[in-house]
Amino acid sequence: MPRLRIIAIVSALLFAVGLLLPGLAVPQTEGENWSLVSGDFGEGTKAIYSSVVYNSQLYVDIGNVNGCEVWRFDGGTSWSKVNESGFGDPLQAVSWSMVVYDSKLYVGT
């Protein structure tokens, strides 16, 4: 059973993020009904390390053997990768935190 790692609220939806091998899934709820909003995060995906709400959208940082990745939830089951893997350094496999400050999204590696 996966452990709950992160909880985020976006536009009155509750997201509970956990690690589900071999893929990742993010359940969301409206009231009492939960639905999975899994993404195809690609080969080498290991775990979601953190999440943040930025500009009313959910962002997650994902550990990947090809370099850490930041993904944005676009609704439904759609996700968009928003950075170059590892921020240009494939050895940068994990980003440990994300924060919004002064209307900008920062990712700690």
PDB file of N, CA and C in Angstrom:
ATOM      1  N   MET A   1       0.835  -1.179   0.000  1.00  0.00           N
ATOM      2  CA  MET A   1       0.000   0.000   0.000  1.00  0.00           C
ATOM      3  C   MET A   1       0.884   1.248   0.000  1.00  0.00           C
ATOM      4  N   PRO A   2       0.633   2.185  -0.910  1.00  0.00           N
ATOM      5  CA  PRO A   2       1.462   3.389  -0.971  1.00  0.00           C
ATOM      6  C   PRO A   2       1.203   4.313   0.212  1.00  0.00           C
ATOM      7  N   ARG A   3       2.226   5.049   0.574  1.00  0.00           N
ATOM      8  CA  ARG A   3       2.082   6.045   1.630  1.00  0.00           C
ATOM      9  C   ARG A   3       1.664   7.361   1.016  1.00  0.00           C
ATOM     10  N   LEU A   4       0.817   8.085   1.723  1.00  0.00           N
ATOM     11  CA  LEU A   4       0.429   9.423   1.302  1.00  0.00           C
ATOM     12  C   LEU A   4       1.608  10.343   1.539  1.00  0.00           C
ATOM     13  N   ARG A   5       1.997  11.074   0.512  1.00  0.00           N
ATOM     14  CA  ARG A   5       3.166  11.937   0.624  1.00  0.00           C
ATOM     15  C   ARG A   5       2.784  13.402   0.734  1.00  0.00           C
ATOM     16  N   ILE A   6       1.786  13.844  -0.060  1.00  0.00           N
ATOM     17  CA  ILE A   6       1.526  15.268  -0.196  1.00  0.00           C
ATOM     18  C   ILE A   6       0.027  15.484  -0.350  1.00  0.00           C
ATOM     19  N   ILE A   7      -0.477  16.562   0.209  1.00  0.00           N
ATOM     20  CA  ILE A   7      -1.860  16.953  -0.026  1.00  0.00           C
ATOM     21  C   ILE A   7      -1.844  18.383  -0.550  1.00  0.00           C
ATOM     22  N   ALA A   8      -2.653  18.638  -1.597  1.00  0.00           N
ATOM     23  CA  ALA A   8      -2.751  19.984  -2.165  1.00  0.00           C
ATOM     24  C   ALA A   8      -4.206  20.261  -2.503  1.00  0.00           C
ATOM     25  N   ILE A   9      -4.603  21.520  -2.422  1.00  0.00           N
ATOM     26  CA  ILE A   9      -5.951  21.927  -2.806  1.00  0.00           C
ATOM     27  C   ILE A   9      -5.828  22.897  -3.968  1.00  0.00           C
ATOM     28  N   VAL A  10      -6.538  22.572  -5.063  1.00  0.00           N
ATOM     29  CA  VAL A  10      -6.529  23.399  -6.265  1.00  0.00           C
ATOM     30  C   VAL A  10      -7.972  23.563  -6.719  1.00  0.00           C
ATOM     31  N   SER A  11      -8.443  24.795  -6.807  1.00  0.00           N
ATOM     32  CA  SER A  11      -9.795  25.081  -7.293  1.00  0.00           C
ATOM     33  C   SER A  11     -10.838  24.183  -6.617  1.00  0.00           C
ATOM     34  N   ALA A  12     -10.809  24.113  -5.296  1.00  0.00           N
ATOM     35  CA  ALA A  12     -11.748  23.338  -4.487  1.00  0.00           C
ATOM     36  C   ALA A  12     -11.634  21.831  -4.694  1.00  0.00           C
ATOM     37  N   LEU A  13     -10.583  21.348  -5.339  1.00  0.00           N
ATOM     38  CA  LEU A  13     -10.328  19.913  -5.466  1.00  0.00           C
ATOM     39  C   LEU A  13      -9.182  19.545  -4.532  1.00  0.00           C
ATOM     40  N   LEU A  14      -9.319  18.435  -3.851  1.00  0.00           N
ATOM     41  CA  LEU A  14      -8.285  17.940  -2.955  1.00  0.00           C
ATOM     42  C   LEU A  14      -7.469  16.881  -3.681  1.00  0.00           C
ATOM     43  N   PHE A  15      -6.151  17.054  -3.715  1.00  0.00           N
ATOM     44  CA  PHE A  15      -5.241  16.092  -4.328  1.00  0.00           C
ATOM     45  C   PHE A  15      -4.411  15.449  -3.233  1.00  0.00           C
ATOM     46  N   ALA A  16      -4.352  14.120  -3.224  1.00  0.00           N
ATOM     47  CA  ALA A  16      -3.513  13.372  -2.289  1.00  0.00           C
ATOM     48  C   ALA A  16      -2.520  12.593  -3.133  1.00  0.00           C
ATOM     49  N   VAL A  17      -1.248  12.899  -2.988  1.00  0.00           N
ATOM     50  CA  VAL A  17      -0.217  12.347  -3.867  1.00  0.00           C
ATOM     51  C   VAL A  17       0.548  11.259  -3.131  1.00  0.00           C
ATOM     52  N   GLY A  18       0.711  10.107  -3.782  1.00  0.00           N
ATOM     53  CA  GLY A  18       1.480   9.014  -3.212  1.00  0.00           C
ATOM     54  C   GLY A  18       2.228   8.276  -4.300  1.00  0.00           C
ATOM     55  N   LEU A  19       3.133   7.434  -3.894  1.00  0.00           N
ATOM     56  CA  LEU A  19       3.924   6.647  -4.830  1.00  0.00           C
ATOM     57  C   LEU A  19       3.217   5.327  -5.092  1.00  0.00           C
ATOM     58  N   LEU A  20       2.907   5.056  -6.355  1.00  0.00           N
ATOM     59  CA  LEU A  20       2.279   3.802  -6.753  1.00  0.00           C
ATOM     60  C   LEU A  20       3.134   3.171  -7.837  1.00  0.00           C
ATOM     61  N   LEU A  21       3.856   2.134  -7.510  1.00  0.00           N
ATOM     62  CA  LEU A  21       4.709   1.485  -8.504  1.00  0.00           C
ATOM     63  C   LEU A  21       3.888   0.502  -9.303  1.00  0.00           C
ATOM     64  N   PRO A  22       4.144   0.301 -10.617  1.00  0.00           N
ATOM     65  CA  PRO A  22       5.262   0.847 -11.364  1.00  0.00           C
ATOM     66  C   PRO A  22       5.031   2.252 -11.898  1.00  0.00           C
ATOM     67  N   GLY A  23       3.849   2.830 -11.695  1.00  0.00           N
ATOM     68  CA  GLY A  23       3.589   4.178 -12.178  1.00  0.00           C
ATOM     69  C   GLY A  23       3.182   5.072 -11.028  1.00  0.00           C
ATOM     70  N   LEU A  24       2.877   6.299 -11.317  1.00  0.00           N
ATOM     71  CA  LEU A  24       2.446   7.243 -10.308  1.00  0.00           C
ATOM     72  C   LEU A  24       0.991   7.606 -10.555  1.00  0.00           C
ATOM     73  N   ALA A  25       0.262   7.849  -9.495  1.00  0.00           N
ATOM     74  CA  ALA A  25      -1.128   8.266  -9.625  1.00  0.00           C
ATOM     75  C   ALA A  25      -1.414   9.324  -8.581  1.00  0.00           C
ATOM     76  N   VAL A  26      -2.266  10.256  -8.927  1.00  0.00           N
ATOM     77  CA  VAL A  26      -2.651  11.320  -8.028  1.00  0.00           C
ATOM     78  C   VAL A  26      -4.169  11.283  -7.906  1.00  0.00           C
ATOM     79  N   PRO A  27      -4.720  10.811  -6.765  1.00  0.00           N
ATOM     80  CA  PRO A  27      -6.172  10.827  -6.628  1.00  0.00           C
ATOM     81  C   PRO A  27      -6.674  12.234  -6.345  1.00  0.00           C
ATOM     82  N   GLN A  28      -7.849  12.550  -6.847  1.00  0.00           N
ATOM     83  CA  GLN A  28      -8.474  13.830  -6.530  1.00  0.00           C
ATOM     84  C   GLN A  28      -9.890  13.551  -6.072  1.00  0.00           C
ATOM     85  N   THR A  29     -10.456  14.470  -5.336  1.00  0.00           N
ATOM     86  CA  THR A  29     -11.819  14.270  -4.860  1.00  0.00           C
ATOM     87  C   THR A  29     -12.639  15.541  -5.043  1.00  0.00           C
ATOM     88  N   GLU A  30     -13.907  15.336  -5.326  1.00  0.00           N
ATOM     89  CA  GLU A  30     -14.918  16.382  -5.243  1.00  0.00           C
ATOM     90  C   GLU A  30     -15.960  15.817  -4.311  1.00  0.00           C
ATOM     91  N   GLY A  31     -15.956  16.260  -3.061  1.00  0.00           N
ATOM     92  CA  GLY A  31     -16.863  15.682  -2.080  1.00  0.00           C
ATOM     93  C   GLY A  31     -16.365  14.329  -1.637  1.00  0.00           C
ATOM     94  N   GLU A  32     -17.168  13.290  -1.835  1.00  0.00           N
ATOM     95  CA  GLU A  32     -16.826  11.956  -1.358  1.00  0.00           C
ATOM     96  C   GLU A  32     -16.288  11.037  -2.446  1.00  0.00           C
ATOM     97  N   ASN A  33     -16.329  11.429  -3.694  1.00  0.00           N
ATOM     98  CA  ASN A  33     -15.905  10.569  -4.795  1.00  0.00           C
ATOM     99  C   ASN A  33     -14.474  10.870  -5.211  1.00  0.00           C
ATOM    100  N   TRP A  34     -13.629   9.835  -5.207  1.00  0.00           N
ATOM    101  CA  TRP A  34     -12.231   9.969  -5.600  1.00  0.00           C
ATOM    102  C   TRP A  34     -12.059   9.456  -7.009  1.00  0.00           C
ATOM    103  N   SER A  35     -11.168  10.083  -7.775  1.00  0.00           N
ATOM    104  CA  SER A  35     -10.816   9.571  -9.100  1.00  0.00           C
ATOM    105  C   SER A  35      -9.310   9.736  -9.290  1.00  0.00           C
ATOM    106  N   LEU A  36      -8.708   8.797 -10.031  1.00  0.00           N
ATOM    107  CA  LEU A  36      -7.273   8.860 -10.281  1.00  0.00           C
ATOM    108  C   LEU A  36      -6.996   9.771 -11.471  1.00  0.00           C
ATOM    109  N   VAL A  37      -5.969  10.578 -11.343  1.00  0.00           N
ATOM    110  CA  VAL A  37      -5.546  11.456 -12.434  1.00  0.00           C
ATOM    111  C   VAL A  37      -4.102  11.112 -12.781  1.00  0.00           C
ATOM    112  N   SER A  38      -3.898   9.846 -13.080  1.00  0.00           N
ATOM    113  CA  SER A  38      -2.555   9.341 -13.383  1.00  0.00           C
ATOM    114  C   SER A  38      -1.966  10.050 -14.582  1.00  0.00           C
ATOM    115  N   GLY A  39      -0.665  10.159 -14.579  1.00  0.00           N
ATOM    116  CA  GLY A  39       0.032  10.729 -15.718  1.00  0.00           C
ATOM    117  C   GLY A  39       1.020   9.734 -16.287  1.00  0.00           C
ATOM    118  N   ASP A  40       1.341   9.900 -17.541  1.00  0.00           N
ATOM    119  CA  ASP A  40       2.405   9.119 -18.157  1.00  0.00           C
ATOM    120  C   ASP A  40       3.675   9.935 -18.009  1.00  0.00           C
ATOM    121  N   PHE A  41       4.385   9.698 -16.914  1.00  0.00           N
ATOM    122  CA  PHE A  41       5.573  10.482 -16.603  1.00  0.00           C
ATOM    123  C   PHE A  41       6.839   9.893 -17.218  1.00  0.00           C
ATOM    124  N   GLY A  42       6.714   8.829 -17.992  1.00  0.00           N
ATOM    125  CA  GLY A  42       7.841   8.313 -18.762  1.00  0.00           C
ATOM    126  C   GLY A  42       8.727   7.339 -18.025  1.00  0.00           C
ATOM    127  N   GLU A  43       9.721   6.856 -18.766  1.00  0.00           N
ATOM    128  CA  GLU A  43      10.701   5.895 -18.253  1.00  0.00           C
ATOM    129  C   GLU A  43      11.541   6.514 -17.145  1.00  0.00           C
ATOM    130  N   GLY A  44      11.903   5.718 -16.170  1.00  0.00           N
ATOM    131  CA  GLY A  44      12.824   6.159 -15.132  1.00  0.00           C
ATOM    132  C   GLY A  44      12.194   6.893 -13.982  1.00  0.00           C
ATOM    133  N   THR A  45      10.862   7.069 -14.006  1.00  0.00           N
ATOM    134  CA  THR A  45      10.176   7.780 -12.940  1.00  0.00           C
ATOM    135  C   THR A  45      10.233   6.982 -11.650  1.00  0.00           C
ATOM    136  N   LYS A  46      10.598   7.637 -10.562  1.00  0.00           N
ATOM    137  CA  LYS A  46      10.761   6.961  -9.275  1.00  0.00           C
ATOM    138  C   LYS A  46       9.755   7.400  -8.223  1.00  0.00           C
ATOM    139  N   ALA A  47       9.532   8.689  -8.052  1.00  0.00           N
ATOM    140  CA  ALA A  47       8.649   9.155  -6.980  1.00  0.00           C
ATOM    141  C   ALA A  47       8.309  10.620  -7.170  1.00  0.00           C
ATOM    142  N   ILE A  48       7.176  11.012  -6.591  1.00  0.00           N
ATOM    143  CA  ILE A  48       6.845  12.431  -6.481  1.00  0.00           C
ATOM    144  C   ILE A  48       7.396  12.903  -5.141  1.00  0.00           C
ATOM    145  N   TYR A  49       8.242  13.929  -5.161  1.00  0.00           N
ATOM    146  CA  TYR A  49       8.888  14.397  -3.939  1.00  0.00           C
ATOM    147  C   TYR A  49       8.174  15.574  -3.290  1.00  0.00           C
ATOM    148  N   SER A  50       7.544  16.429  -4.084  1.00  0.00           N
ATOM    149  CA  SER A  50       6.789  17.532  -3.492  1.00  0.00           C
ATOM    150  C   SER A  50       5.794  18.052  -4.515  1.00  0.00           C
ATOM    151  N   SER A  51       4.906  18.901  -4.027  1.00  0.00           N
ATOM    152  CA  SER A  51       3.947  19.540  -4.917  1.00  0.00           C
ATOM    153  C   SER A  51       3.724  20.958  -4.430  1.00  0.00           C
ATOM    154  N   VAL A  52       3.183  21.775  -5.318  1.00  0.00           N
ATOM    155  CA  VAL A  52       2.872  23.150  -4.964  1.00  0.00           C
ATOM    156  C   VAL A  52       1.761  23.628  -5.901  1.00  0.00           C
ATOM    157  N   VAL A  53       0.956  24.554  -5.412  1.00  0.00           N
ATOM    158  CA  VAL A  53      -0.043  25.198  -6.255  1.00  0.00           C
ATOM    159  C   VAL A  53       0.547  26.530  -6.703  1.00  0.00           C
ATOM    160  N   TYR A  54       0.600  26.730  -8.018  1.00  0.00           N
ATOM    161  CA  TYR A  54       1.180  27.935  -8.605  1.00  0.00           C
ATOM    162  C   TYR A  54       0.262  28.376  -9.737  1.00  0.00           C
ATOM    163  N   ASN A  55      -0.156  29.624  -9.714  1.00  0.00           N
ATOM    164  CA  ASN A  55      -1.102  30.146 -10.702  1.00  0.00           C
ATOM    165  C   ASN A  55      -2.337  29.250 -10.822  1.00  0.00           C
ATOM    166  N   SER A  56      -2.846  28.809  -9.686  1.00  0.00           N
ATOM    167  CA  SER A  56      -4.054  27.974  -9.591  1.00  0.00           C
ATOM    168  C   SER A  56      -3.924  26.626 -10.288  1.00  0.00           C
ATOM    169  N   GLN A  57      -2.699  26.123 -10.442  1.00  0.00           N
ATOM    170  CA  GLN A  57      -2.478  24.811 -11.031  1.00  0.00           C
ATOM    171  C   GLN A  57      -1.547  24.012 -10.129  1.00  0.00           C
ATOM    172  N   LEU A  58      -1.734  22.685 -10.133  1.00  0.00           N
ATOM    173  CA  LEU A  58      -0.908  21.792  -9.336  1.00  0.00           C
ATOM    174  C   LEU A  58       0.361  21.433 -10.099  1.00  0.00           C
ATOM    175  N   TYR A  59       1.511  21.597  -9.426  1.00  0.00           N
ATOM    176  CA  TYR A  59       2.807  21.195  -9.967  1.00  0.00           C
ATOM    177  C   TYR A  59       3.391  20.125  -9.051  1.00  0.00           C
ATOM    178  N   VAL A  60       4.019  19.109  -9.629  1.00  0.00           N
ATOM    179  CA  VAL A  60       4.706  18.085  -8.848  1.00  0.00           C
ATOM    180  C   VAL A  60       6.129  17.956  -9.356  1.00  0.00           C
ATOM    181  N   ASP A  61       7.056  17.678  -8.436  1.00  0.00           N
ATOM    182  CA  ASP A  61       8.422  17.373  -8.884  1.00  0.00           C
ATOM    183  C   ASP A  61       8.647  15.877  -8.729  1.00  0.00           C
ATOM    184  N   ILE A  62       9.226  15.304  -9.761  1.00  0.00           N
ATOM    185  CA  ILE A  62       9.358  13.859  -9.886  1.00  0.00           C
ATOM    186  C   ILE A  62      10.821  13.480  -9.992  1.00  0.00           C
ATOM    187  N   GLY A  63      11.225  12.535  -9.130  1.00  0.00           N
ATOM    188  CA  GLY A  63      12.563  11.972  -9.241  1.00  0.00           C
ATOM    189  C   GLY A  63      12.619  11.045 -10.442  1.00  0.00           C
ATOM    190  N   ASN A  64      13.661  11.176 -11.237  1.00  0.00           N
ATOM    191  CA  ASN A  64      13.786  10.384 -12.456  1.00  0.00           C
ATOM    192  C   ASN A  64      15.263  10.087 -12.682  1.00  0.00           C
ATOM    193  N   VAL A  65      15.571   8.858 -13.104  1.00  0.00           N
ATOM    194  CA  VAL A  65      16.972   8.485 -13.328  1.00  0.00           C
ATOM    195  C   VAL A  65      17.602   9.290 -14.458  1.00  0.00           C
ATOM    196  N   ASN A  66      16.786   9.931 -15.300  1.00  0.00           N
ATOM    197  CA  ASN A  66      17.285  10.759 -16.397  1.00  0.00           C
ATOM    198  C   ASN A  66      17.371  12.233 -16.030  1.00  0.00           C
ATOM    199  N   GLY A  67      17.112  12.568 -14.768  1.00  0.00           N
ATOM    200  CA  GLY A  67      17.112  13.953 -14.301  1.00  0.00           C
ATOM    201  C   GLY A  67      15.728  14.327 -13.796  1.00  0.00           C
ATOM    202  N   CYS A  68      15.674  15.071 -12.696  1.00  0.00           N
ATOM    203  CA  CYS A  68      14.396  15.438 -12.082  1.00  0.00           C
ATOM    204  C   CYS A  68      13.516  16.198 -13.067  1.00  0.00           C
ATOM    205  N   GLU A  69      12.219  16.076 -12.859  1.00  0.00           N
ATOM    206  CA  GLU A  69      11.263  16.691 -13.770  1.00  0.00           C
ATOM    207  C   GLU A  69      10.166  17.380 -12.979  1.00  0.00           C
ATOM    208  N   VAL A  70       9.680  18.505 -13.499  1.00  0.00           N
ATOM    209  CA  VAL A  70       8.540  19.212 -12.932  1.00  0.00           C
ATOM    210  C   VAL A  70       7.396  19.088 -13.934  1.00  0.00           C
ATOM    211  N   TRP A  71       6.230  18.646 -13.423  1.00  0.00           N
ATOM    212  CA  TRP A  71       5.051  18.438 -14.256  1.00  0.00           C
ATOM    213  C   TRP A  71       3.895  19.275 -13.722  1.00  0.00           C
ATOM    214  N   ARG A  72       3.060  19.779 -14.645  1.00  0.00           N
ATOM    215  CA  ARG A  72       1.882  20.579 -14.310  1.00  0.00           C
ATOM    216  C   ARG A  72       0.631  19.777 -14.662  1.00  0.00           C
ATOM    217  N   PHE A  73      -0.328  19.746 -13.743  1.00  0.00           N
ATOM    218  CA  PHE A  73      -1.605  19.078 -14.001  1.00  0.00           C
ATOM    219  C   PHE A  73      -2.474  20.009 -14.825  1.00  0.00           C
ATOM    220  N   ASP A  74      -2.918  19.528 -16.000  1.00  0.00           N
ATOM    221  CA  ASP A  74      -3.702  20.350 -16.921  1.00  0.00           C
ATOM    222  C   ASP A  74      -5.192  20.041 -16.876  1.00  0.00           C
ATOM    223  N   GLY A  75      -5.599  19.103 -16.029  1.00  0.00           N
ATOM    224  CA  GLY A  75      -7.007  18.732 -15.922  1.00  0.00           C
ATOM    225  C   GLY A  75      -7.254  17.354 -16.512  1.00  0.00           C
ATOM    226  N   GLY A  76      -8.324  16.713 -16.054  1.00  0.00           N
ATOM    227  CA  GLY A  76      -8.637  15.369 -16.533  1.00  0.00           C
ATOM    228  C   GLY A  76      -7.554  14.399 -16.123  1.00  0.00           C
ATOM    229  N   THR A  77      -6.856  13.836 -17.087  1.00  0.00           N
ATOM    230  CA  THR A  77      -5.684  12.990 -16.818  1.00  0.00           C
ATOM    231  C   THR A  77      -4.465  13.538 -17.546  1.00  0.00           C
ATOM    232  N   SER A  78      -4.516  14.809 -17.899  1.00  0.00           N
ATOM    233  CA  SER A  78      -3.465  15.428 -18.715  1.00  0.00           C
ATOM    234  C   SER A  78      -2.435  16.159 -17.850  1.00  0.00           C
ATOM    235  N   TRP A  79      -1.155  15.873 -18.115  1.00  0.00           N
ATOM    236  CA  TRP A  79      -0.028  16.514 -17.446  1.00  0.00           C
ATOM    237  C   TRP A  79       0.931  17.035 -18.500  1.00  0.00           C
ATOM    238  N   SER A  80       1.640  18.130 -18.192  1.00  0.00           N
ATOM    239  CA  SER A  80       2.655  18.689 -19.092  1.00  0.00           C
ATOM    240  C   SER A  80       3.979  18.822 -18.345  1.00  0.00           C
ATOM    241  N   LYS A  81       5.037  18.317 -18.949  1.00  0.00           N
ATOM    242  CA  LYS A  81       6.381  18.496 -18.392  1.00  0.00           C
ATOM    243  C   LYS A  81       6.805  19.932 -18.666  1.00  0.00           C
ATOM    244  N   VAL A  82       7.323  20.624 -17.641  1.00  0.00           N
ATOM    245  CA  VAL A  82       7.608  22.047 -17.787  1.00  0.00           C
ATOM    246  C   VAL A  82       9.087  22.407 -17.685  1.00  0.00           C
ATOM    247  N   ASN A  83       9.952  21.404 -17.544  1.00  0.00           N
ATOM    248  CA  ASN A  83      11.384  21.706 -17.497  1.00  0.00           C
ATOM    249  C   ASN A  83      12.160  20.683 -18.310  1.00  0.00           C
ATOM    250  N   GLU A  84      13.386  21.039 -18.632  1.00  0.00           N
ATOM    251  CA  GLU A  84      14.313  20.077 -19.228  1.00  0.00           C
ATOM    252  C   GLU A  84      14.738  19.128 -18.114  1.00  0.00           C
ATOM    253  N   SER A  85      14.801  17.825 -18.398  1.00  0.00           N
ATOM    254  CA  SER A  85      15.152  16.845 -17.368  1.00  0.00           C
ATOM    255  C   SER A  85      16.438  17.241 -16.650  1.00  0.00           C
ATOM    256  N   GLY A  86      16.372  17.239 -15.306  1.00  0.00           N
ATOM    257  CA  GLY A  86      17.531  17.590 -14.498  1.00  0.00           C
ATOM    258  C   GLY A  86      17.937  19.048 -14.620  1.00  0.00           C
ATOM    259  N   PHE A  87      17.069  19.875 -15.202  1.00  0.00           N
ATOM    260  CA  PHE A  87      17.403  21.272 -15.481  1.00  0.00           C
ATOM    261  C   PHE A  87      18.712  21.351 -16.253  1.00  0.00           C
ATOM    262  N   GLY A  88      18.867  20.405 -17.197  1.00  0.00           N
ATOM    263  CA  GLY A  88      20.054  20.373 -18.038  1.00  0.00           C
ATOM    264  C   GLY A  88      21.160  19.473 -17.526  1.00  0.00           C
ATOM    265  N   ASP A  89      21.010  18.929 -16.319  1.00  0.00           N
ATOM    266  CA  ASP A  89      22.015  18.041 -15.735  1.00  0.00           C
ATOM    267  C   ASP A  89      21.365  16.699 -15.415  1.00  0.00           C
ATOM    268  N   PRO A  90      21.582  15.673 -16.250  1.00  0.00           N
ATOM    269  CA  PRO A  90      20.929  14.383 -16.030  1.00  0.00           C
ATOM    270  C   PRO A  90      21.321  13.713 -14.709  1.00  0.00           C
ATOM    271  N   LEU A  91      22.424  14.151 -14.089  1.00  0.00           N
ATOM    272  CA  LEU A  91      22.811  13.608 -12.790  1.00  0.00           C
ATOM    273  C   LEU A  91      21.986  14.203 -11.653  1.00  0.00           C
ATOM    274  N   GLN A  92      21.252  15.279 -11.926  1.00  0.00           N
ATOM    275  CA  GLN A  92      20.368  15.905 -10.933  1.00  0.00           C
ATOM    276  C   GLN A  92      19.046  15.137 -10.930  1.00  0.00           C
ATOM    277  N   ALA A  93      19.026  13.986 -10.272  1.00  0.00           N
ATOM    278  CA  ALA A  93      17.905  13.045 -10.359  1.00  0.00           C
ATOM    279  C   ALA A  93      16.720  13.426  -9.478  1.00  0.00           C
ATOM    280  N   VAL A  94      16.931  14.271  -8.477  1.00  0.00           N
ATOM    281  CA  VAL A  94      15.862  14.592  -7.534  1.00  0.00           C
ATOM    282  C   VAL A  94      15.808  16.091  -7.284  1.00  0.00           C
ATOM    283  N   SER A  95      14.601  16.631  -7.259  1.00  0.00           N
ATOM    284  CA  SER A  95      14.380  17.982  -6.752  1.00  0.00           C
ATOM    285  C   SER A  95      13.618  17.814  -5.447  1.00  0.00           C
ATOM    286  N   TRP A  96      14.125  18.397  -4.385  1.00  0.00           N
ATOM    287  CA  TRP A  96      13.627  18.098  -3.044  1.00  0.00           C
ATOM    288  C   TRP A  96      12.463  18.952  -2.595  1.00  0.00           C
ATOM    289  N   SER A  97      12.288  20.119  -3.193  1.00  0.00           N
ATOM    290  CA  SER A  97      11.215  20.992  -2.727  1.00  0.00           C
ATOM    291  C   SER A  97      10.846  21.998  -3.804  1.00  0.00           C
ATOM    292  N   MET A  98       9.638  22.539  -3.649  1.00  0.00           N
ATOM    293  CA  MET A  98       9.186  23.620  -4.523  1.00  0.00           C
ATOM    294  C   MET A  98       8.472  24.653  -3.647  1.00  0.00           C
ATOM    295  N   VAL A  99       8.585  25.912  -4.033  1.00  0.00           N
ATOM    296  CA  VAL A  99       7.929  26.982  -3.291  1.00  0.00           C
ATOM    297  C   VAL A  99       7.594  28.109  -4.271  1.00  0.00           C
ATOM    298  N   VAL A 100       6.527  28.824  -3.976  1.00  0.00           N
ATOM    299  CA  VAL A 100       6.170  30.020  -4.730  1.00  0.00           C
ATOM    300  C   VAL A 100       6.559  31.222  -3.880  1.00  0.00           C
ATOM    301  N   TYR A 101       7.318  32.124  -4.496  1.00  0.00           N
ATOM    302  CA  TYR A 101       7.749  33.336  -3.809  1.00  0.00           C
ATOM    303  C   TYR A 101       7.761  34.471  -4.817  1.00  0.00           C
ATOM    304  N   ASP A 102       7.165  35.584  -4.445  1.00  0.00           N
ATOM    305  CA  ASP A 102       7.144  36.782  -5.297  1.00  0.00           C
ATOM    306  C   ASP A 102       6.611  36.436  -6.691  1.00  0.00           C
ATOM    307  N   SER A 103       5.534  35.635  -6.732  1.00  0.00           N
ATOM    308  CA  SER A 103       4.839  35.243  -7.961  1.00  0.00           C
ATOM    309  C   SER A 103       5.685  34.396  -8.906  1.00  0.00           C
ATOM    310  N   LYS A 104       6.707  33.729  -8.383  1.00  0.00           N
ATOM    311  CA  LYS A 104       7.554  32.851  -9.201  1.00  0.00           C
ATOM    312  C   LYS A 104       7.641  31.491  -8.528  1.00  0.00           C
ATOM    313  N   LEU A 105       7.800  30.458  -9.332  1.00  0.00           N
ATOM    314  CA  LEU A 105       7.959  29.094  -8.834  1.00  0.00           C
ATOM    315  C   LEU A 105       9.455  28.763  -8.752  1.00  0.00           C
ATOM    316  N   TYR A 106       9.879  28.323  -7.571  1.00  0.00           N
ATOM    317  CA  TYR A 106      11.273  27.935  -7.359  1.00  0.00           C
ATOM    318  C   TYR A 106      11.322  26.446  -7.029  1.00  0.00           C
ATOM    319  N   VAL A 107      12.316  25.765  -7.584  1.00  0.00           N
ATOM    320  CA  VAL A 107      12.497  24.334  -7.354  1.00  0.00           C
ATOM    321  C   VAL A 107      13.869  24.133  -6.724  1.00  0.00           C
ATOM    322  N   GLY A 108      13.898  23.463  -5.572  1.00  0.00           N
ATOM    323  CA  GLY A 108      15.174  23.202  -4.875  1.00  0.00           C
ATOM    324  C   GLY A 108      15.737  21.858  -5.285  1.00  0.00           C
ATOM    325  N   THR A 109      16.966  21.879  -5.770  1.00  0.00           N
ATOM    326  CA  THR A 109      17.613  20.631  -6.206  1.00  0.00           C
ATOM    327  C   THR A 109      18.800  20.314  -5.321  1.00  0.00           C
TER     328      THR A 109
END
